[in-house]
Amino acid sequence: MNKNELDSAFDRLFEETVQSMDITGSGSQADADAVEASWQKLQKRLRREAVRAVWLRRIQWAAAAAASLAAGAFLFHSLQTTEALRPVYELAYKVKGGALSVQSAGADPRTAAGARTAPPPMDDPPFQPEMRDNRDLPEEGTFRRKKVSLEEASFQSQFVLPVPKELPAGFRLKHVILHFSMGESKADAAKLLYAMQDGTDRKFTILVRKRDYSDHKSMPDGKRIWLPHSSGGGGELEWNEEDVNVIIRGELGEAEQNRLASHMPMVQ
């Protein structure tokens, strides 16, 4: 019983008690005793009303819970097995030997007919960045390099090195750098460095690499192109020989480089 209900019950009982009393203005002891008795009677009735309200609420909650349980039991008890795929498959409800048998009600599974739909398209090939010709040992990807002698270079390269039989006066081979691309056991590029024996700064290099590394890979074999340097003299002479691209670069003139190239046969 909330406060409003209790106040209403109190007012009602108080009014009934007052109406049942015969109070005069004499103010005698008998009247005082009668008022006290009526007040105690009123308090007892209020307590009974409060207890009655509590029990009524409990009974209401119990009835609601019982109704919910009954409704749930009825609904779950009335559920039936649904065969959503019955028109497509014949299902075996009884499991025998721990396995569920599912049989198609369609065509004979032993038919020789092929697939009715085309296979999905293949994934796109991995992106391959365009090779950039840096006119030197390749820089793309993962690689390793090492300095070797000319004899070692001839055995550790994928191609036969074109080595000049004659050198300009005063020059000698200083070293060879081999370039190994990732996963390659033999070098796919090599650079031969020639320098003056007297210690001066004059030098030139011969770059030998796979033909595919060059922007001029489509140039016919044996045809040479000369690219002069913009400053300092010298330039670059480039040509292809079978699967190899060769570039002579350094402080040599066009005539000197062409003479050098003419004395560079492919040797074992």
C-alpha atoms as a PDB file:
ATOM      1  CA  MET A   1       0.000   0.000   0.000  1.00  0.00           C
ATOM      2  CA  ASN A   2       1.493   3.327  -1.049  1.00  0.00           C
ATOM      3  CA  LYS A   3       1.208   6.619   0.827  1.00  0.00           C
ATOM      4  CA  ASN A   4      -1.865   7.847  -1.083  1.00  0.00           C
ATOM      5  CA  GLU A   5      -3.785   4.626  -0.424  1.00  0.00           C
ATOM      6  CA  LEU A   6      -2.830   4.723   3.261  1.00  0.00           C
ATOM      7  CA  ASP A   7      -3.993   8.344   3.587  1.00  0.00           C
ATOM      8  CA  SER A   8      -7.311   7.529   1.911  1.00  0.00           C
ATOM      9  CA  ALA A   9      -7.906   4.559   4.218  1.00  0.00           C
ATOM     10  CA  PHE A  10      -7.023   6.654   7.256  1.00  0.00           C
ATOM     11  CA  ASP A  11      -9.453   9.419   6.273  1.00  0.00           C
ATOM     12  CA  ARG A  12     -12.207   6.895   5.624  1.00  0.00           C
ATOM     13  CA  LEU A  13     -11.735   5.051   8.932  1.00  0.00           C
ATOM     14  CA  PHE A  14     -11.325   8.275  10.877  1.00  0.00           C
ATOM     15  CA  GLU A  15     -14.579   9.621   9.458  1.00  0.00           C
ATOM     16  CA  GLU A  16     -16.404   6.381  10.329  1.00  0.00           C
ATOM     17  CA  THR A  17     -15.060   6.504  13.868  1.00  0.00           C
ATOM     18  CA  VAL A  18     -16.044  10.134  14.377  1.00  0.00           C
ATOM     19  CA  GLN A  19     -19.553   9.464  13.104  1.00  0.00           C
ATOM     20  CA  SER A  20     -19.939   6.547  15.524  1.00  0.00           C
ATOM     21  CA  MET A  21     -18.876   8.667  18.477  1.00  0.00           C
ATOM     22  CA  ASP A  22     -21.331  10.716  20.548  1.00  0.00           C
ATOM     23  CA  ILE A  23     -19.125  13.522  21.722  1.00  0.00           C
ATOM     24  CA  THR A  24     -20.582  16.328  23.803  1.00  0.00           C
ATOM     25  CA  GLY A  25     -18.985  19.338  25.174  1.00  0.00           C
ATOM     26  CA  SER A  26     -19.015  18.091  28.786  1.00  0.00           C
ATOM     27  CA  GLY A  27     -15.346  16.962  28.662  1.00  0.00           C
ATOM     28  CA  SER A  28     -15.899  14.153  31.187  1.00  0.00           C
ATOM     29  CA  GLN A  29     -13.452  11.283  31.854  1.00  0.00           C
ATOM     30  CA  ALA A  30     -15.859   8.861  30.185  1.00  0.00           C
ATOM     31  CA  ASP A  31     -15.687  10.833  26.981  1.00  0.00           C
ATOM     32  CA  ALA A  32     -11.882  10.801  27.066  1.00  0.00           C
ATOM     33  CA  ASP A  33     -11.848   7.036  27.550  1.00  0.00           C
ATOM     34  CA  ALA A  34     -14.243   6.604  24.669  1.00  0.00           C
ATOM     35  CA  VAL A  35     -12.012   8.681  22.387  1.00  0.00           C
ATOM     36  CA  GLU A  36      -8.929   6.662  23.393  1.00  0.00           C
ATOM     37  CA  ALA A  37     -10.708   3.382  22.711  1.00  0.00           C
ATOM     38  CA  SER A  38     -11.905   4.609  19.340  1.00  0.00           C
ATOM     39  CA  TRP A  39      -8.387   5.740  18.424  1.00  0.00           C
ATOM     40  CA  GLN A  40      -6.896   2.324  19.268  1.00  0.00           C
ATOM     41  CA  LYS A  41      -9.603   0.637  17.242  1.00  0.00           C
ATOM     42  CA  LEU A  42      -8.750   2.893  14.306  1.00  0.00           C
ATOM     43  CA  GLN A  43      -5.029   1.984  14.488  1.00  0.00           C
ATOM     44  CA  LYS A  44      -5.828  -1.756  14.487  1.00  0.00           C
ATOM     45  CA  ARG A  45      -7.993  -1.404  11.400  1.00  0.00           C
ATOM     46  CA  LEU A  46      -5.255   0.579   9.633  1.00  0.00           C
ATOM     47  CA  ARG A  47      -2.705  -2.162  10.358  1.00  0.00           C
ATOM     48  CA  ARG A  48      -5.076  -4.818   9.019  1.00  0.00           C
ATOM     49  CA  GLU A  49      -5.638  -2.777   5.850  1.00  0.00           C
ATOM     50  CA  ALA A  50      -1.858  -2.460   5.293  1.00  0.00           C
ATOM     51  CA  VAL A  51      -1.299  -6.220   5.722  1.00  0.00           C
ATOM     52  CA  ARG A  52      -4.202  -6.950   3.406  1.00  0.00           C
ATOM     53  CA  ALA A  53      -2.736  -4.669   0.700  1.00  0.00           C
ATOM     54  CA  VAL A  54       0.657  -6.450   0.905  1.00  0.00           C
ATOM     55  CA  TRP A  55      -0.951  -9.865   0.449  1.00  0.00           C
ATOM     56  CA  LEU A  56      -3.026  -8.622  -2.464  1.00  0.00           C
ATOM     57  CA  ARG A  57       0.138  -7.456  -4.274  1.00  0.00           C
ATOM     58  CA  ARG A  58       1.853 -10.804  -3.668  1.00  0.00           C
ATOM     59  CA  ILE A  59      -1.152 -12.699  -4.986  1.00  0.00           C
ATOM     60  CA  GLN A  60      -1.205 -10.526  -8.129  1.00  0.00           C
ATOM     61  CA  TRP A  61       2.511 -11.181  -8.848  1.00  0.00           C
ATOM     62  CA  ALA A  62       2.092 -14.910  -8.249  1.00  0.00           C
ATOM     63  CA  ALA A  63      -0.887 -15.048 -10.604  1.00  0.00           C
ATOM     64  CA  ALA A  64       1.026 -13.198 -13.338  1.00  0.00           C
ATOM     65  CA  ALA A  65       4.032 -15.546 -13.002  1.00  0.00           C
ATOM     66  CA  ALA A  66       1.824 -18.630 -13.132  1.00  0.00           C
ATOM     67  CA  ALA A  67       0.090 -17.324 -16.260  1.00  0.00           C
ATOM     68  CA  SER A  68       3.443 -16.674 -17.965  1.00  0.00           C
ATOM     69  CA  LEU A  69       4.702 -20.174 -17.162  1.00  0.00           C
ATOM     70  CA  ALA A  70       1.511 -21.729 -18.449  1.00  0.00           C
ATOM     71  CA  ALA A  71       1.653 -19.753 -21.702  1.00  0.00           C
ATOM     72  CA  GLY A  72       5.313 -20.693 -22.257  1.00  0.00           C
ATOM     73  CA  ALA A  73       4.666 -24.362 -21.617  1.00  0.00           C
ATOM     74  CA  PHE A  74       1.774 -24.330 -24.056  1.00  0.00           C
ATOM     75  CA  LEU A  75       3.765 -22.604 -26.807  1.00  0.00           C
ATOM     76  CA  PHE A  76       6.856 -24.824 -26.541  1.00  0.00           C
ATOM     77  CA  HIS A  77       4.781 -27.967 -26.291  1.00  0.00           C
ATOM     78  CA  SER A  78       2.894 -27.106 -29.470  1.00  0.00           C
ATOM     79  CA  LEU A  79       6.026 -26.522 -31.679  1.00  0.00           C
ATOM     80  CA  GLN A  80       6.278 -28.903 -34.600  1.00  0.00           C
ATOM     81  CA  THR A  81       9.310 -29.955 -36.662  1.00  0.00           C
ATOM     82  CA  THR A  82       9.647 -27.837 -39.805  1.00  0.00           C
ATOM     83  CA  GLU A  83      11.034 -29.211 -43.066  1.00  0.00           C
ATOM     84  CA  ALA A  84      12.042 -26.043 -44.891  1.00  0.00           C
ATOM     85  CA  LEU A  85      13.906 -27.898 -47.651  1.00  0.00           C
ATOM     86  CA  ARG A  86      11.418 -30.720 -48.156  1.00  0.00           C
ATOM     87  CA  PRO A  87      10.690 -29.820 -51.821  1.00  0.00           C
ATOM     88  CA  VAL A  88      14.424 -29.979 -52.628  1.00  0.00           C
ATOM     89  CA  TYR A  89      15.812 -32.780 -50.502  1.00  0.00           C
ATOM     90  CA  GLU A  90      14.580 -36.017 -49.059  1.00  0.00           C
ATOM     91  CA  LEU A  91      15.849 -35.986 -45.513  1.00  0.00           C
ATOM     92  CA  ALA A  92      16.467 -39.057 -43.386  1.00  0.00           C
ATOM     93  CA  TYR A  93      15.257 -38.203 -39.875  1.00  0.00           C
ATOM     94  CA  LYS A  94      16.677 -41.245 -38.155  1.00  0.00           C
ATOM     95  CA  VAL A  95      20.409 -41.239 -37.682  1.00  0.00           C
ATOM     96  CA  LYS A  96      21.851 -44.689 -38.252  1.00  0.00           C
ATOM     97  CA  GLY A  97      25.404 -45.550 -37.312  1.00  0.00           C
ATOM     98  CA  GLY A  98      26.095 -42.006 -36.151  1.00  0.00           C
ATOM     99  CA  ALA A  99      25.642 -40.481 -39.632  1.00  0.00           C
ATOM    100  CA  LEU A 100      22.875 -38.404 -41.196  1.00  0.00           C
ATOM    101  CA  SER A 101      21.895 -39.478 -44.697  1.00  0.00           C
ATOM    102  CA  VAL A 102      20.973 -36.665 -47.098  1.00  0.00           C
ATOM    103  CA  GLN A 103      19.839 -37.608 -50.597  1.00  0.00           C
ATOM    104  CA  SER A 104      19.041 -35.267 -53.440  1.00  0.00           C
ATOM    105  CA  ALA A 105      15.684 -35.708 -55.090  1.00  0.00           C
ATOM    106  CA  GLY A 106      16.969 -34.217 -58.338  1.00  0.00           C
ATOM    107  CA  ALA A 107      18.864 -35.732 -61.238  1.00  0.00           C
ATOM    108  CA  ASP A 108      21.086 -38.791 -61.095  1.00  0.00           C
ATOM    109  CA  PRO A 109      24.358 -37.750 -59.378  1.00  0.00           C
ATOM    110  CA  ARG A 110      26.275 -39.957 -61.808  1.00  0.00           C
ATOM    111  CA  THR A 111      25.371 -37.758 -64.763  1.00  0.00           C
ATOM    112  CA  ALA A 112      28.232 -36.789 -67.055  1.00  0.00           C
ATOM    113  CA  ALA A 113      26.949 -33.245 -67.573  1.00  0.00           C
ATOM    114  CA  GLY A 114      29.516 -30.551 -66.869  1.00  0.00           C
ATOM    115  CA  ALA A 115      29.222 -27.485 -64.706  1.00  0.00           C
ATOM    116  CA  ARG A 116      26.272 -25.252 -65.533  1.00  0.00           C
ATOM    117  CA  THR A 117      28.072 -22.027 -64.615  1.00  0.00           C
ATOM    118  CA  ALA A 118      31.397 -20.610 -65.693  1.00  0.00           C
ATOM    119  CA  PRO A 119      34.272 -20.830 -63.206  1.00  0.00           C
ATOM    120  CA  PRO A 120      35.060 -17.668 -61.246  1.00  0.00           C
ATOM    121  CA  PRO A 121      37.636 -15.374 -62.823  1.00  0.00           C
ATOM    122  CA  MET A 122      41.231 -15.889 -61.784  1.00  0.00           C
ATOM    123  CA  ASP A 123      42.825 -13.406 -59.448  1.00  0.00           C
ATOM    124  CA  ASP A 124      44.724 -10.585 -61.062  1.00  0.00           C
ATOM    125  CA  PRO A 125      48.469 -11.259 -61.324  1.00  0.00           C
ATOM    126  CA  PRO A 126      50.602  -9.498 -58.730  1.00  0.00           C
ATOM    127  CA  PHE A 127      51.609  -5.980 -59.605  1.00  0.00           C
ATOM    128  CA  GLN A 128      55.006  -5.795 -61.264  1.00  0.00           C
ATOM    129  CA  PRO A 129      56.612  -2.354 -61.093  1.00  0.00           C
ATOM    130  CA  GLU A 130      57.999  -1.094 -64.367  1.00  0.00           C
ATOM    131  CA  MET A 131      61.745  -1.627 -64.651  1.00  0.00           C
ATOM    132  CA  ARG A 132      63.634   1.658 -64.805  1.00  0.00           C
ATOM    133  CA  ASP A 133      66.852   1.808 -66.813  1.00  0.00           C
ATOM    134  CA  ASN A 134      69.397   3.560 -64.593  1.00  0.00           C
ATOM    135  CA  ARG A 135      72.210   2.747 -67.078  1.00  0.00           C
ATOM    136  CA  ASP A 136      74.162   1.107 -64.265  1.00  0.00           C
ATOM    137  CA  LEU A 137      73.947  -1.964 -62.043  1.00  0.00           C
ATOM    138  CA  PRO A 138      70.230  -2.523 -61.314  1.00  0.00           C
ATOM    139  CA  GLU A 139      68.821  -0.999 -58.130  1.00  0.00           C
ATOM    140  CA  GLU A 140      65.312  -2.507 -58.122  1.00  0.00           C
ATOM    141  CA  GLY A 141      64.312  -5.259 -55.690  1.00  0.00           C
ATOM    142  CA  THR A 142      66.591  -7.209 -53.361  1.00  0.00           C
ATOM    143  CA  PHE A 143      70.110  -8.024 -54.495  1.00  0.00           C
ATOM    144  CA  ARG A 144      73.688  -8.632 -53.415  1.00  0.00           C
ATOM    145  CA  ARG A 145      77.002  -7.598 -54.934  1.00  0.00           C
ATOM    146  CA  LYS A 146      80.623  -8.589 -54.582  1.00  0.00           C
ATOM    147  CA  LYS A 147      84.030  -7.752 -56.039  1.00  0.00           C
ATOM    148  CA  VAL A 148      85.794 -10.562 -57.881  1.00  0.00           C
ATOM    149  CA  SER A 149      88.567 -11.142 -60.367  1.00  0.00           C
ATOM    150  CA  LEU A 150      87.918 -11.337 -64.100  1.00  0.00           C
ATOM    151  CA  GLU A 151      88.350 -15.104 -64.054  1.00  0.00           C
ATOM    152  CA  GLU A 152      85.861 -15.508 -61.198  1.00  0.00           C
ATOM    153  CA  ALA A 153      83.413 -13.200 -62.945  1.00  0.00           C
ATOM    154  CA  SER A 154      83.448 -15.337 -66.091  1.00  0.00           C
ATOM    155  CA  PHE A 155      82.374 -18.402 -64.071  1.00  0.00           C
ATOM    156  CA  GLN A 156      79.809 -16.648 -61.862  1.00  0.00           C
ATOM    157  CA  SER A 157      77.895 -14.775 -64.573  1.00  0.00           C
ATOM    158  CA  GLN A 158      74.816 -15.861 -66.498  1.00  0.00           C
ATOM    159  CA  PHE A 159      76.417 -14.789 -69.779  1.00  0.00           C
ATOM    160  CA  VAL A 160      79.778 -14.684 -71.481  1.00  0.00           C
ATOM    161  CA  LEU A 161      81.595 -11.454 -70.625  1.00  0.00           C
ATOM    162  CA  PRO A 162      82.798  -9.376 -73.598  1.00  0.00           C
ATOM    163  CA  VAL A 163      86.354  -8.539 -72.553  1.00  0.00           C
ATOM    164  CA  PRO A 164      88.507  -6.124 -74.619  1.00  0.00           C
ATOM    165  CA  LYS A 165      91.646  -7.670 -76.077  1.00  0.00           C
ATOM    166  CA  GLU A 166      93.371  -4.292 -76.295  1.00  0.00           C
ATOM    167  CA  LEU A 167      93.181  -1.386 -73.856  1.00  0.00           C
ATOM    168  CA  PRO A 168      93.990   2.294 -74.306  1.00  0.00           C
ATOM    169  CA  ALA A 169      97.553   3.088 -73.263  1.00  0.00           C
ATOM    170  CA  GLY A 170      98.100   3.283 -69.511  1.00  0.00           C
ATOM    171  CA  PHE A 171      94.821   1.610 -68.446  1.00  0.00           C
ATOM    172  CA  ARG A 172      94.468  -1.629 -66.516  1.00  0.00           C
ATOM    173  CA  LEU A 173      91.588  -3.566 -64.934  1.00  0.00           C
ATOM    174  CA  LYS A 174      91.115  -2.607 -61.292  1.00  0.00           C
ATOM    175  CA  HIS A 175      88.202  -4.867 -60.244  1.00  0.00           C
ATOM    176  CA  VAL A 176      84.908  -6.449 -61.324  1.00  0.00           C
ATOM    177  CA  ILE A 177      81.633  -5.992 -59.419  1.00  0.00           C
ATOM    178  CA  LEU A 178      79.020  -8.725 -59.846  1.00  0.00           C
ATOM    179  CA  HIS A 179      75.323  -8.090 -59.247  1.00  0.00           C
ATOM    180  CA  PHE A 180      73.075 -10.973 -58.089  1.00  0.00           C
ATOM    181  CA  SER A 181      69.307 -10.450 -58.089  1.00  0.00           C
ATOM    182  CA  MET A 182      67.265 -12.137 -55.373  1.00  0.00           C
ATOM    183  CA  GLY A 183      67.042 -15.887 -55.917  1.00  0.00           C
ATOM    184  CA  GLU A 184      69.764 -15.939 -58.596  1.00  0.00           C
ATOM    185  CA  SER A 185      72.834 -18.135 -58.125  1.00  0.00           C
ATOM    186  CA  LYS A 186      74.709 -16.396 -60.948  1.00  0.00           C
ATOM    187  CA  ALA A 187      75.144 -12.702 -61.641  1.00  0.00           C
ATOM    188  CA  ASP A 188      72.843 -10.998 -64.129  1.00  0.00           C
ATOM    189  CA  ALA A 189      75.001  -7.855 -64.353  1.00  0.00           C
ATOM    190  CA  ALA A 190      78.698  -6.997 -64.041  1.00  0.00           C
ATOM    191  CA  LYS A 191      80.752  -3.809 -64.118  1.00  0.00           C
ATOM    192  CA  LEU A 192      84.441  -3.767 -65.030  1.00  0.00           C
ATOM    193  CA  LEU A 193      86.404  -0.756 -63.760  1.00  0.00           C
ATOM    194  CA  TYR A 194      89.555   0.336 -65.623  1.00  0.00           C
ATOM    195  CA  ALA A 195      91.877   3.036 -64.266  1.00  0.00           C
ATOM    196  CA  MET A 196      95.207   4.632 -65.212  1.00  0.00           C
ATOM    197  CA  GLN A 197      98.265   2.919 -63.822  1.00  0.00           C
ATOM    198  CA  ASP A 198      99.948   6.245 -63.028  1.00  0.00           C
ATOM    199  CA  GLY A 199      97.254   7.104 -60.476  1.00  0.00           C
ATOM    200  CA  THR A 200      95.575   9.880 -62.433  1.00  0.00           C
ATOM    201  CA  ASP A 201      91.791  10.263 -62.289  1.00  0.00           C
ATOM    202  CA  ARG A 202      91.130   9.055 -65.832  1.00  0.00           C
ATOM    203  CA  LYS A 203      89.006   5.920 -65.845  1.00  0.00           C
ATOM    204  CA  PHE A 204      86.245   4.149 -67.702  1.00  0.00           C
ATOM    205  CA  THR A 205      83.825   1.316 -66.994  1.00  0.00           C
ATOM    206  CA  ILE A 206      82.311  -1.460 -69.058  1.00  0.00           C
ATOM    207  CA  LEU A 207      78.801  -2.378 -67.911  1.00  0.00           C
ATOM    208  CA  VAL A 208      77.584  -5.809 -69.004  1.00  0.00           C
ATOM    209  CA  ARG A 209      74.003  -6.750 -68.093  1.00  0.00           C
ATOM    210  CA  LYS A 210      70.984  -8.673 -69.272  1.00  0.00           C
ATOM    211  CA  ARG A 211      69.454  -7.119 -72.339  1.00  0.00           C
ATOM    212  CA  ASP A 212      66.069  -6.689 -70.648  1.00  0.00           C
ATOM    213  CA  TYR A 213      67.531  -4.095 -68.264  1.00  0.00           C
ATOM    214  CA  SER A 214      68.078  -1.624 -71.116  1.00  0.00           C
ATOM    215  CA  ASP A 215      65.592   0.805 -72.609  1.00  0.00           C
ATOM    216  CA  HIS A 216      67.266   0.006 -75.951  1.00  0.00           C
ATOM    217  CA  LYS A 217      66.745  -3.752 -75.759  1.00  0.00           C
ATOM    218  CA  SER A 218      64.916  -3.697 -79.102  1.00  0.00           C
ATOM    219  CA  MET A 219      67.930  -2.190 -80.861  1.00  0.00           C
ATOM    220  CA  PRO A 220      69.430  -4.634 -83.420  1.00  0.00           C
ATOM    221  CA  ASP A 221      72.523  -6.573 -82.416  1.00  0.00           C
ATOM    222  CA  GLY A 222      75.794  -4.827 -83.205  1.00  0.00           C
ATOM    223  CA  LYS A 223      74.260  -1.382 -83.749  1.00  0.00           C
ATOM    224  CA  ARG A 224      75.970   1.222 -81.560  1.00  0.00           C
ATOM    225  CA  ILE A 225      74.647   4.513 -80.213  1.00  0.00           C
ATOM    226  CA  TRP A 226      76.886   7.272 -78.847  1.00  0.00           C
ATOM    227  CA  LEU A 227      75.706   9.585 -76.056  1.00  0.00           C
ATOM    228  CA  PRO A 228      78.232  12.363 -75.315  1.00  0.00           C
ATOM    229  CA  HIS A 229      78.471  13.781 -71.809  1.00  0.00           C
ATOM    230  CA  SER A 230      77.262  17.345 -71.419  1.00  0.00           C
ATOM    231  CA  SER A 231      80.418  18.401 -69.578  1.00  0.00           C
ATOM    232  CA  GLY A 232      83.893  17.099 -68.830  1.00  0.00           C
ATOM    233  CA  GLY A 233      84.366  15.250 -72.109  1.00  0.00           C
ATOM    234  CA  GLY A 234      83.805  11.606 -72.822  1.00  0.00           C
ATOM    235  CA  GLY A 235      80.476   9.877 -73.156  1.00  0.00           C
ATOM    236  CA  GLU A 236      78.714   6.527 -73.420  1.00  0.00           C
ATOM    237  CA  LEU A 237      78.676   3.921 -76.156  1.00  0.00           C
ATOM    238  CA  GLU A 238      75.878   1.323 -76.013  1.00  0.00           C
ATOM    239  CA  TRP A 239      75.022  -1.759 -78.054  1.00  0.00           C
ATOM    240  CA  ASN A 240      73.391  -5.194 -77.762  1.00  0.00           C
ATOM    241  CA  GLU A 241      74.986  -8.561 -78.329  1.00  0.00           C
ATOM    242  CA  GLU A 242      72.582 -11.538 -78.242  1.00  0.00           C
ATOM    243  CA  ASP A 243      71.019 -11.502 -74.724  1.00  0.00           C
ATOM    244  CA  VAL A 244      73.529  -8.972 -73.349  1.00  0.00           C
ATOM    245  CA  ASN A 245      73.539  -5.172 -73.241  1.00  0.00           C
ATOM    246  CA  VAL A 246      76.922  -3.405 -73.053  1.00  0.00           C
ATOM    247  CA  ILE A 247      77.692   0.215 -72.118  1.00  0.00           C
ATOM    248  CA  ILE A 248      81.177   1.761 -72.165  1.00  0.00           C
ATOM    249  CA  ARG A 249      81.241   4.928 -70.070  1.00  0.00           C
ATOM    250  CA  GLY A 250      84.128   7.208 -69.200  1.00  0.00           C
ATOM    251  CA  GLU A 251      86.608   9.876 -70.175  1.00  0.00           C
ATOM    252  CA  LEU A 252      87.239   8.428 -73.611  1.00  0.00           C
ATOM    253  CA  GLY A 253      86.168   9.996 -76.873  1.00  0.00           C
ATOM    254  CA  GLU A 254      83.783   8.426 -79.357  1.00  0.00           C
ATOM    255  CA  ALA A 255      86.588   7.122 -81.584  1.00  0.00           C
ATOM    256  CA  GLU A 256      88.431   5.563 -78.637  1.00  0.00           C
ATOM    257  CA  GLN A 257      85.308   3.855 -77.354  1.00  0.00           C
ATOM    258  CA  ASN A 258      84.393   2.494 -80.797  1.00  0.00           C
ATOM    259  CA  ARG A 259      87.918   1.145 -81.203  1.00  0.00           C
ATOM    260  CA  LEU A 260      87.647  -0.473 -77.782  1.00  0.00           C
ATOM    261  CA  ALA A 261      84.280  -2.036 -78.691  1.00  0.00           C
ATOM    262  CA  SER A 262      85.722  -3.452 -81.897  1.00  0.00           C
ATOM    263  CA  HIS A 263      88.278  -5.376 -79.811  1.00  0.00           C
ATOM    264  CA  MET A 264      85.687  -6.866 -77.435  1.00  0.00           C
ATOM    265  CA  PRO A 265      84.677 -10.233 -78.879  1.00  0.00           C
ATOM    266  CA  MET A 266      82.578 -12.577 -76.763  1.00  0.00           C
ATOM    267  CA  VAL A 267      85.031 -14.955 -75.102  1.00  0.00           C
ATOM    268  CA  GLN A 268      84.560 -17.953 -72.838  1.00  0.00           C
END
